[in-house]
Amino acid sequence: MLFLVAALLLLGVALGSVAHAPLPVSLVAAAVIGVWLVVFTVRERHSRRHSS
């Protein structure tokens, strides 16, 4: 339950800062996060295939 409260608090802070940031800054941040998540996913899948 505490994890859920912390996650919602962080989500509120992130959405609040995005609402006050200019659109290009928000889009660049979203693109950076998206690329980071894709790289993380590819690395995880690559390491799981080679470890088993």
C-alpha atoms as a PDB file:
ATOM      1  CA  MET A   1       0.000   0.000   0.000  1.00  0.00           C
ATOM      2  CA  LEU A   2       2.835   2.362   0.823  1.00  0.00           C
ATOM      3  CA  PHE A   3       4.416   1.609  -2.563  1.00  0.00           C
ATOM      4  CA  LEU A   4       1.159   2.577  -4.281  1.00  0.00           C
ATOM      5  CA  VAL A   5       0.977   5.863  -2.379  1.00  0.00           C
ATOM      6  CA  ALA A   6       4.596   6.663  -3.269  1.00  0.00           C
ATOM      7  CA  ALA A   7       4.010   5.801  -6.932  1.00  0.00           C
ATOM      8  CA  LEU A   8       0.928   8.030  -7.099  1.00  0.00           C
ATOM      9  CA  LEU A   9       2.827  10.855  -5.399  1.00  0.00           C
ATOM     10  CA  LEU A  10       5.681  10.601  -7.902  1.00  0.00           C
ATOM     11  CA  LEU A  11       3.202  10.448 -10.785  1.00  0.00           C
ATOM     12  CA  GLY A  12       1.507  13.603  -9.522  1.00  0.00           C
ATOM     13  CA  VAL A  13       4.840  15.413  -9.263  1.00  0.00           C
ATOM     14  CA  ALA A  14       5.836  14.298 -12.772  1.00  0.00           C
ATOM     15  CA  LEU A  15       2.510  15.304 -14.309  1.00  0.00           C
ATOM     16  CA  GLY A  16       2.584  18.600 -12.468  1.00  0.00           C
ATOM     17  CA  SER A  17       6.019  19.463 -13.807  1.00  0.00           C
ATOM     18  CA  VAL A  18       5.043  18.405 -17.331  1.00  0.00           C
ATOM     19  CA  ALA A  19       1.980  20.655 -17.177  1.00  0.00           C
ATOM     20  CA  HIS A  20       4.194  23.668 -16.488  1.00  0.00           C
ATOM     21  CA  ALA A  21       6.949  22.819 -18.965  1.00  0.00           C
ATOM     22  CA  PRO A  22       6.805  23.928 -22.596  1.00  0.00           C
ATOM     23  CA  LEU A  23       5.556  21.320 -25.081  1.00  0.00           C
ATOM     24  CA  PRO A  24       8.916  20.821 -26.875  1.00  0.00           C
ATOM     25  CA  VAL A  25      10.651  20.138 -23.549  1.00  0.00           C
ATOM     26  CA  SER A  26       7.982  17.589 -22.618  1.00  0.00           C
ATOM     27  CA  LEU A  27       8.256  15.882 -26.005  1.00  0.00           C
ATOM     28  CA  VAL A  28      12.045  15.654 -25.795  1.00  0.00           C
ATOM     29  CA  ALA A  29      11.839  14.240 -22.269  1.00  0.00           C
ATOM     30  CA  ALA A  30       9.244  11.687 -23.392  1.00  0.00           C
ATOM     31  CA  ALA A  31      11.424  10.668 -26.342  1.00  0.00           C
ATOM     32  CA  VAL A  32      14.484  10.246 -24.108  1.00  0.00           C
ATOM     33  CA  ILE A  33      12.540   8.121 -21.643  1.00  0.00           C
ATOM     34  CA  GLY A  34      11.070   6.039 -24.482  1.00  0.00           C
ATOM     35  CA  VAL A  35      14.501   5.377 -25.995  1.00  0.00           C
ATOM     36  CA  TRP A  36      15.868   4.457 -22.576  1.00  0.00           C
ATOM     37  CA  LEU A  37      13.030   1.976 -22.039  1.00  0.00           C
ATOM     38  CA  VAL A  38      13.586   0.395 -25.472  1.00  0.00           C
ATOM     39  CA  VAL A  39      17.328   0.038 -24.831  1.00  0.00           C
ATOM     40  CA  PHE A  40      16.634  -1.475 -21.406  1.00  0.00           C
ATOM     41  CA  THR A  41      14.154  -3.955 -22.900  1.00  0.00           C
ATOM     42  CA  VAL A  42      16.545  -5.021 -25.646  1.00  0.00           C
ATOM     43  CA  ARG A  43      19.397  -5.493 -23.170  1.00  0.00           C
ATOM     44  CA  GLU A  44      17.214  -7.528 -20.801  1.00  0.00           C
ATOM     45  CA  ARG A  45      15.942  -9.808 -23.574  1.00  0.00           C
ATOM     46  CA  HIS A  46      19.465 -10.228 -24.927  1.00  0.00           C
ATOM     47  CA  SER A  47      20.876 -11.142 -21.503  1.00  0.00           C
ATOM     48  CA  ARG A  48      18.052 -13.593 -20.725  1.00  0.00           C
ATOM     49  CA  ARG A  49      18.515 -15.434 -24.015  1.00  0.00           C
ATOM     50  CA  HIS A  50      22.246 -15.865 -23.452  1.00  0.00           C
ATOM     51  CA  SER A  51      22.063 -16.773 -19.749  1.00  0.00           C
ATOM     52  CA  SER A  52      19.707 -19.746 -20.151  1.00  0.00           C
END
